[in-house]
Amino acid sequence: VIRSFQQPLIAGVYVVATVCLYFHLFHGVVSLFQTLGVSHARHLQAVEKFGHVLAAIIVIGFASVPIGVLLGVVK
């Protein structure tokens, strides 16, 4: 894995894929709450904020691996 992420193209594609994952996770979280019946306009802003935060935490965690390898933090 480390050897693969040392190649900028592979690491870049992986990071771009994690950005796509962000949008997928955000949509999934909002849809989850809608399925559970929390779809009122009064709650929408809080649900969307939660979706953004949760998706960002997961994506930052996944993207930190190839970025760490490229920066030499992980060897």
PDB file of N, CA and C in Angstrom:
ATOM      1  N   VAL A   1       0.836  -1.189   0.000  1.00  0.00           N
ATOM      2  CA  VAL A   1       0.000   0.000   0.000  1.00  0.00           C
ATOM      3  C   VAL A   1       0.875   1.245   0.000  1.00  0.00           C
ATOM      4  N   ILE A   2       1.890   1.263   0.848  1.00  0.00           N
ATOM      5  CA  ILE A   2       2.756   2.443   0.919  1.00  0.00           C
ATOM      6  C   ILE A   2       3.455   2.664  -0.413  1.00  0.00           C
ATOM      7  N   ARG A   3       3.947   1.601  -1.011  1.00  0.00           N
ATOM      8  CA  ARG A   3       4.635   1.729  -2.298  1.00  0.00           C
ATOM      9  C   ARG A   3       3.692   2.294  -3.359  1.00  0.00           C
ATOM     10  N   SER A   4       2.447   1.872  -3.346  1.00  0.00           N
ATOM     11  CA  SER A   4       1.474   2.387  -4.317  1.00  0.00           C
ATOM     12  C   SER A   4       1.195   3.863  -4.085  1.00  0.00           C
ATOM     13  N   PHE A   5       1.003   4.252  -2.825  1.00  0.00           N
ATOM     14  CA  PHE A   5       0.693   5.644  -2.523  1.00  0.00           C
ATOM     15  C   PHE A   5       1.893   6.572  -2.697  1.00  0.00           C
ATOM     16  N   GLN A   6       3.079   6.040  -2.873  1.00  0.00           N
ATOM     17  CA  GLN A   6       4.242   6.875  -3.165  1.00  0.00           C
ATOM     18  C   GLN A   6       4.200   7.384  -4.600  1.00  0.00           C
ATOM     19  N   GLN A   7       3.344   6.805  -5.415  1.00  0.00           N
ATOM     20  CA  GLN A   7       3.150   7.268  -6.787  1.00  0.00           C
ATOM     21  C   GLN A   7       2.057   8.339  -6.772  1.00  0.00           C
ATOM     22  N   PRO A   8       2.403   9.580  -7.147  1.00  0.00           N
ATOM     23  CA  PRO A   8       1.439  10.683  -7.058  1.00  0.00           C
ATOM     24  C   PRO A   8       0.134  10.440  -7.815  1.00  0.00           C
ATOM     25  N   LEU A   9       0.199   9.781  -8.950  1.00  0.00           N
ATOM     26  CA  LEU A   9      -1.024   9.541  -9.717  1.00  0.00           C
ATOM     27  C   LEU A   9      -1.989   8.641  -8.948  1.00  0.00           C
ATOM     28  N   ILE A  10      -1.484   7.578  -8.391  1.00  0.00           N
ATOM     29  CA  ILE A  10      -2.337   6.655  -7.631  1.00  0.00           C
ATOM     30  C   ILE A  10      -2.889   7.344  -6.386  1.00  0.00           C
ATOM     31  N   ALA A  11      -2.032   8.067  -5.681  1.00  0.00           N
ATOM     32  CA  ALA A  11      -2.495   8.783  -4.488  1.00  0.00           C
ATOM     33  C   ALA A  11      -3.534   9.834  -4.861  1.00  0.00           C
ATOM     34  N   GLY A  12      -3.315  10.523  -5.972  1.00  0.00           N
ATOM     35  CA  GLY A  12      -4.267  11.542  -6.418  1.00  0.00           C
ATOM     36  C   GLY A  12      -5.619  10.964  -6.774  1.00  0.00           C
ATOM     37  N   VAL A  13      -5.609   9.852  -7.479  1.00  0.00           N
ATOM     38  CA  VAL A  13      -6.875   9.189  -7.829  1.00  0.00           C
ATOM     39  C   VAL A  13      -7.602   8.748  -6.563  1.00  0.00           C
ATOM     40  N   TYR A  14      -6.867   8.245  -5.593  1.00  0.00           N
ATOM     41  CA  TYR A  14      -7.460   7.803  -4.332  1.00  0.00           C
ATOM     42  C   TYR A  14      -8.100   8.983  -3.595  1.00  0.00           C
ATOM     43  N   VAL A  15      -7.402  10.115  -3.565  1.00  0.00           N
ATOM     44  CA  VAL A  15      -7.947  11.294  -2.881  1.00  0.00           C
ATOM     45  C   VAL A  15      -9.188  11.801  -3.611  1.00  0.00           C
ATOM     46  N   VAL A  16      -9.160  11.815  -4.929  1.00  0.00           N
ATOM     47  CA  VAL A  16     -10.343  12.225  -5.697  1.00  0.00           C
ATOM     48  C   VAL A  16     -11.512  11.276  -5.409  1.00  0.00           C
ATOM     49  N   ALA A  17     -11.222   9.993  -5.302  1.00  0.00           N
ATOM     50  CA  ALA A  17     -12.274   9.023  -4.977  1.00  0.00           C
ATOM     51  C   ALA A  17     -12.852   9.280  -3.590  1.00  0.00           C
ATOM     52  N   THR A  18     -12.012   9.701  -2.647  1.00  0.00           N
ATOM     53  CA  THR A  18     -12.534   9.994  -1.311  1.00  0.00           C
ATOM     54  C   THR A  18     -13.405  11.246  -1.328  1.00  0.00           C
ATOM     55  N   VAL A  19     -13.100  12.189  -2.219  1.00  0.00           N
ATOM     56  CA  VAL A  19     -13.966  13.367  -2.356  1.00  0.00           C
ATOM     57  C   VAL A  19     -15.330  12.933  -2.892  1.00  0.00           C
ATOM     58  N   CYS A  20     -15.339  12.014  -3.837  1.00  0.00           N
ATOM     59  CA  CYS A  20     -16.612  11.462  -4.323  1.00  0.00           C
ATOM     60  C   CYS A  20     -17.352  10.749  -3.193  1.00  0.00           C
ATOM     61  N   LEU A  21     -16.599  10.054  -2.363  1.00  0.00           N
ATOM     62  CA  LEU A  21     -17.183   9.375  -1.208  1.00  0.00           C
ATOM     63  C   LEU A  21     -17.868  10.374  -0.277  1.00  0.00           C
ATOM     64  N   TYR A  22     -17.292  11.570  -0.147  1.00  0.00           N
ATOM     65  CA  TYR A  22     -17.886  12.620   0.693  1.00  0.00           C
ATOM     66  C   TYR A  22     -19.336  12.885   0.266  1.00  0.00           C
ATOM     67  N   PHE A  23     -19.533  13.108  -1.029  1.00  0.00           N
ATOM     68  CA  PHE A  23     -20.878  13.419  -1.517  1.00  0.00           C
ATOM     69  C   PHE A  23     -21.826  12.233  -1.338  1.00  0.00           C
ATOM     70  N   HIS A  24     -21.316  11.045  -1.540  1.00  0.00           N
ATOM     71  CA  HIS A  24     -22.122   9.836  -1.358  1.00  0.00           C
ATOM     72  C   HIS A  24     -22.549   9.691   0.107  1.00  0.00           C
ATOM     73  N   LEU A  25     -21.616   9.880   1.021  1.00  0.00           N
ATOM     74  CA  LEU A  25     -21.933   9.769   2.449  1.00  0.00           C
ATOM     75  C   LEU A  25     -22.899  10.861   2.894  1.00  0.00           C
ATOM     76  N   PHE A  26     -22.679  12.079   2.422  1.00  0.00           N
ATOM     77  CA  PHE A  26     -23.581  13.174   2.780  1.00  0.00           C
ATOM     78  C   PHE A  26     -25.004  12.847   2.346  1.00  0.00           C
ATOM     79  N   HIS A  27     -25.157  12.410   1.115  1.00  0.00           N
ATOM     80  CA  HIS A  27     -26.485  12.064   0.610  1.00  0.00           C
ATOM     81  C   HIS A  27     -27.096  10.916   1.416  1.00  0.00           C
ATOM     82  N   GLY A  28     -26.266   9.939   1.765  1.00  0.00           N
ATOM     83  CA  GLY A  28     -26.753   8.803   2.540  1.00  0.00           C
ATOM     84  C   GLY A  28     -27.246   9.192   3.922  1.00  0.00           C
ATOM     85  N   VAL A  29     -26.523  10.095   4.583  1.00  0.00           N
ATOM     86  CA  VAL A  29     -26.934  10.537   5.927  1.00  0.00           C
ATOM     87  C   VAL A  29     -28.254  11.292   5.850  1.00  0.00           C
ATOM     88  N   VAL A  30     -28.370  12.200   4.890  1.00  0.00           N
ATOM     89  CA  VAL A  30     -29.617  12.957   4.752  1.00  0.00           C
ATOM     90  C   VAL A  30     -30.767  12.010   4.413  1.00  0.00           C
ATOM     91  N   SER A  31     -30.522  11.058   3.538  1.00  0.00           N
ATOM     92  CA  SER A  31     -31.563  10.089   3.175  1.00  0.00           C
ATOM     93  C   SER A  31     -31.955   9.207   4.354  1.00  0.00           C
ATOM     94  N   LEU A  32     -30.975   8.852   5.188  1.00  0.00           N
ATOM     95  CA  LEU A  32     -31.260   8.046   6.374  1.00  0.00           C
ATOM     96  C   LEU A  32     -32.263   8.755   7.279  1.00  0.00           C
ATOM     97  N   PHE A  33     -32.007  10.026   7.546  1.00  0.00           N
ATOM     98  CA  PHE A  33     -32.915  10.762   8.421  1.00  0.00           C
ATOM     99  C   PHE A  33     -34.277  10.964   7.764  1.00  0.00           C
ATOM    100  N   GLN A  34     -34.302  11.123   6.449  1.00  0.00           N
ATOM    101  CA  GLN A  34     -35.579  11.243   5.754  1.00  0.00           C
ATOM    102  C   GLN A  34     -36.367   9.937   5.875  1.00  0.00           C
ATOM    103  N   THR A  35     -35.684   8.818   5.742  1.00  0.00           N
ATOM    104  CA  THR A  35     -36.332   7.511   5.888  1.00  0.00           C
ATOM    105  C   THR A  35     -36.885   7.326   7.295  1.00  0.00           C
ATOM    106  N   LEU A  36     -36.163   7.860   8.284  1.00  0.00           N
ATOM    107  CA  LEU A  36     -36.613   7.747   9.672  1.00  0.00           C
ATOM    108  C   LEU A  36     -37.698   8.762  10.024  1.00  0.00           C
ATOM    109  N   GLY A  37     -38.069   9.606   9.067  1.00  0.00           N
ATOM    110  CA  GLY A  37     -39.145  10.557   9.287  1.00  0.00           C
ATOM    111  C   GLY A  37     -38.703  11.918   9.776  1.00  0.00           C
ATOM    112  N   VAL A  38     -37.413  12.170   9.783  1.00  0.00           N
ATOM    113  CA  VAL A  38     -36.902  13.479  10.220  1.00  0.00           C
ATOM    114  C   VAL A  38     -36.614  14.296   8.965  1.00  0.00           C
ATOM    115  N   SER A  39     -37.678  14.653   8.242  1.00  0.00           N
ATOM    116  CA  SER A  39     -37.494  15.376   6.990  1.00  0.00           C
ATOM    117  C   SER A  39     -38.198  16.724   6.997  1.00  0.00           C
ATOM    118  N   HIS A  40     -38.647  17.163   8.146  1.00  0.00           N
ATOM    119  CA  HIS A  40     -39.312  18.453   8.256  1.00  0.00           C
ATOM    120  C   HIS A  40     -38.309  19.569   8.003  1.00  0.00           C
ATOM    121  N   ALA A  41     -38.757  20.639   7.387  1.00  0.00           N
ATOM    122  CA  ALA A  41     -37.877  21.769   7.068  1.00  0.00           C
ATOM    123  C   ALA A  41     -37.198  22.324   8.317  1.00  0.00           C
ATOM    124  N   ARG A  42     -37.855  22.193   9.454  1.00  0.00           N
ATOM    125  CA  ARG A  42     -37.299  22.691  10.713  1.00  0.00           C
ATOM    126  C   ARG A  42     -36.014  21.949  11.083  1.00  0.00           C
ATOM    127  N   HIS A  43     -35.918  20.677  10.712  1.00  0.00           N
ATOM    128  CA  HIS A  43     -34.757  19.857  11.066  1.00  0.00           C
ATOM    129  C   HIS A  43     -33.730  19.741   9.945  1.00  0.00           C
ATOM    130  N   LEU A  44     -34.086  20.181   8.753  1.00  0.00           N
ATOM    131  CA  LEU A  44     -33.242  19.947   7.582  1.00  0.00           C
ATOM    132  C   LEU A  44     -31.846  20.546   7.735  1.00  0.00           C
ATOM    133  N   GLN A  45     -31.752  21.752   8.249  1.00  0.00           N
ATOM    134  CA  GLN A  45     -30.442  22.393   8.388  1.00  0.00           C
ATOM    135  C   GLN A  45     -29.535  21.605   9.339  1.00  0.00           C
ATOM    136  N   ALA A  46     -30.074  21.142  10.447  1.00  0.00           N
ATOM    137  CA  ALA A  46     -29.275  20.369  11.404  1.00  0.00           C
ATOM    138  C   ALA A  46     -28.866  19.021  10.816  1.00  0.00           C
ATOM    139  N   VAL A  47     -29.773  18.380  10.099  1.00  0.00           N
ATOM    140  CA  VAL A  47     -29.466  17.088   9.482  1.00  0.00           C
ATOM    141  C   VAL A  47     -28.376  17.258   8.429  1.00  0.00           C
ATOM    142  N   GLU A  48     -28.479  18.297   7.613  1.00  0.00           N
ATOM    143  CA  GLU A  48     -27.460  18.536   6.593  1.00  0.00           C
ATOM    144  C   GLU A  48     -26.111  18.866   7.219  1.00  0.00           C
ATOM    145  N   LYS A  49     -26.120  19.647   8.278  1.00  0.00           N
ATOM    146  CA  LYS A  49     -24.858  19.968   8.951  1.00  0.00           C
ATOM    147  C   LYS A  49     -24.218  18.700   9.514  1.00  0.00           C
ATOM    148  N   PHE A  50     -25.021  17.855  10.135  1.00  0.00           N
ATOM    149  CA  PHE A  50     -24.517  16.581  10.650  1.00  0.00           C
ATOM    150  C   PHE A  50     -23.949  15.730   9.516  1.00  0.00           C
ATOM    151  N   GLY A  51     -24.640  15.703   8.384  1.00  0.00           N
ATOM    152  CA  GLY A  51     -24.168  14.944   7.226  1.00  0.00           C
ATOM    153  C   GLY A  51     -22.830  15.450   6.719  1.00  0.00           C
ATOM    154  N   HIS A  52     -22.689  16.777   6.649  1.00  0.00           N
ATOM    155  CA  HIS A  52     -21.415  17.360   6.207  1.00  0.00           C
ATOM    156  C   HIS A  52     -20.285  17.019   7.179  1.00  0.00           C
ATOM    157  N   VAL A  53     -20.549  17.156   8.465  1.00  0.00           N
ATOM    158  CA  VAL A  53     -19.504  16.902   9.471  1.00  0.00           C
ATOM    159  C   VAL A  53     -19.095  15.434   9.466  1.00  0.00           C
ATOM    160  N   LEU A  54     -20.063  14.535   9.478  1.00  0.00           N
ATOM    161  CA  LEU A  54     -19.750  13.106   9.493  1.00  0.00           C
ATOM    162  C   LEU A  54     -18.989  12.693   8.234  1.00  0.00           C
ATOM    163  N   ALA A  55     -19.462  13.142   7.081  1.00  0.00           N
ATOM    164  CA  ALA A  55     -18.785  12.803   5.823  1.00  0.00           C
ATOM    165  C   ALA A  55     -17.375  13.376   5.796  1.00  0.00           C
ATOM    166  N   ALA A  56     -17.203  14.595   6.289  1.00  0.00           N
ATOM    167  CA  ALA A  56     -15.870  15.217   6.298  1.00  0.00           C
ATOM    168  C   ALA A  56     -14.908  14.453   7.198  1.00  0.00           C
ATOM    169  N   ILE A  57     -15.370  14.037   8.356  1.00  0.00           N
ATOM    170  CA  ILE A  57     -14.501  13.283   9.276  1.00  0.00           C
ATOM    171  C   ILE A  57     -14.026  11.986   8.619  1.00  0.00           C
ATOM    172  N   ILE A  58     -14.939  11.275   7.999  1.00  0.00           N
ATOM    173  CA  ILE A  58     -14.585  10.004   7.363  1.00  0.00           C
ATOM    174  C   ILE A  58     -13.638  10.228   6.188  1.00  0.00           C
ATOM    175  N   VAL A  59     -13.940  11.207   5.357  1.00  0.00           N
ATOM    176  CA  VAL A  59     -13.110  11.470   4.178  1.00  0.00           C
ATOM    177  C   VAL A  59     -11.723  11.962   4.580  1.00  0.00           C
ATOM    178  N   ILE A  60     -11.638  12.819   5.569  1.00  0.00           N
ATOM    179  CA  ILE A  60     -10.325  13.287   6.030  1.00  0.00           C
ATOM    180  C   ILE A  60      -9.499  12.110   6.538  1.00  0.00           C
ATOM    181  N   GLY A  61     -10.140  11.207   7.250  1.00  0.00           N
ATOM    182  CA  GLY A  61      -9.429  10.027   7.735  1.00  0.00           C
ATOM    183  C   GLY A  61      -8.892   9.167   6.606  1.00  0.00           C
ATOM    184  N   PHE A  62      -9.727   8.909   5.603  1.00  0.00           N
ATOM    185  CA  PHE A  62      -9.281   8.088   4.477  1.00  0.00           C
ATOM    186  C   PHE A  62      -8.232   8.809   3.634  1.00  0.00           C
ATOM    187  N   ALA A  63      -8.418  10.092   3.381  1.00  0.00           N
ATOM    188  CA  ALA A  63      -7.486  10.837   2.526  1.00  0.00           C
ATOM    189  C   ALA A  63      -6.152  11.091   3.215  1.00  0.00           C
ATOM    190  N   SER A  64      -6.125  11.042   4.534  1.00  0.00           N
ATOM    191  CA  SER A  64      -4.877  11.322   5.244  1.00  0.00           C
ATOM    192  C   SER A  64      -3.813  10.253   5.000  1.00  0.00           C
ATOM    193  N   VAL A  65      -4.223   9.049   4.650  1.00  0.00           N
ATOM    194  CA  VAL A  65      -3.249   7.970   4.425  1.00  0.00           C
ATOM    195  C   VAL A  65      -2.379   8.255   3.196  1.00  0.00           C
ATOM    196  N   PRO A  66      -2.945   8.447   1.998  1.00  0.00           N
ATOM    197  CA  PRO A  66      -2.066   8.716   0.858  1.00  0.00           C
ATOM    198  C   PRO A  66      -1.339  10.056   0.971  1.00  0.00           C
ATOM    199  N   ILE A  67      -1.983  11.036   1.582  1.00  0.00           N
ATOM    200  CA  ILE A  67      -1.317  12.329   1.759  1.00  0.00           C
ATOM    201  C   ILE A  67      -0.133  12.179   2.703  1.00  0.00           C
ATOM    202  N   GLY A  68      -0.312  11.418   3.762  1.00  0.00           N
ATOM    203  CA  GLY A  68       0.789  11.162   4.694  1.00  0.00           C
ATOM    204  C   GLY A  68       1.945  10.430   4.036  1.00  0.00           C
ATOM    205  N   VAL A  69       1.627   9.490   3.161  1.00  0.00           N
ATOM    206  CA  VAL A  69       2.683   8.762   2.447  1.00  0.00           C
ATOM    207  C   VAL A  69       3.420   9.705   1.500  1.00  0.00           C
ATOM    208  N   LEU A  70       2.679  10.528   0.759  1.00  0.00           N
ATOM    209  CA  LEU A  70       3.317  11.461  -0.173  1.00  0.00           C
ATOM    210  C   LEU A  70       4.187  12.485   0.546  1.00  0.00           C
ATOM    211  N   LEU A  71       3.773  12.898   1.732  1.00  0.00           N
ATOM    212  CA  LEU A  71       4.546  13.887   2.492  1.00  0.00           C
ATOM    213  C   LEU A  71       5.698  13.260   3.263  1.00  0.00           C
ATOM    214  N   GLY A  72       5.771  11.948   3.262  1.00  0.00           N
ATOM    215  CA  GLY A  72       6.854  11.266   3.951  1.00  0.00           C
ATOM    216  C   GLY A  72       6.613  11.038   5.427  1.00  0.00           C
ATOM    217  N   VAL A  73       5.417  11.315   5.903  1.00  0.00           N
ATOM    218  CA  VAL A  73       5.085  11.092   7.310  1.00  0.00           C
ATOM    219  C   VAL A  73       4.980   9.596   7.590  1.00  0.00           C
ATOM    220  N   VAL A  74       4.432   8.862   6.622  1.00  0.00           N
ATOM    221  CA  VAL A  74       4.300   7.409   6.732  1.00  0.00           C
ATOM    222  C   VAL A  74       5.325   6.782   5.793  1.00  0.00           C
ATOM    223  N   LYS A  75       6.127   5.872   6.332  1.00  0.00           N
ATOM    224  CA  LYS A  75       7.167   5.231   5.496  1.00  0.00           C
ATOM    225  C   LYS A  75       7.035   3.727   5.537  1.00  0.00           C
TER     226      LYS A  75
END
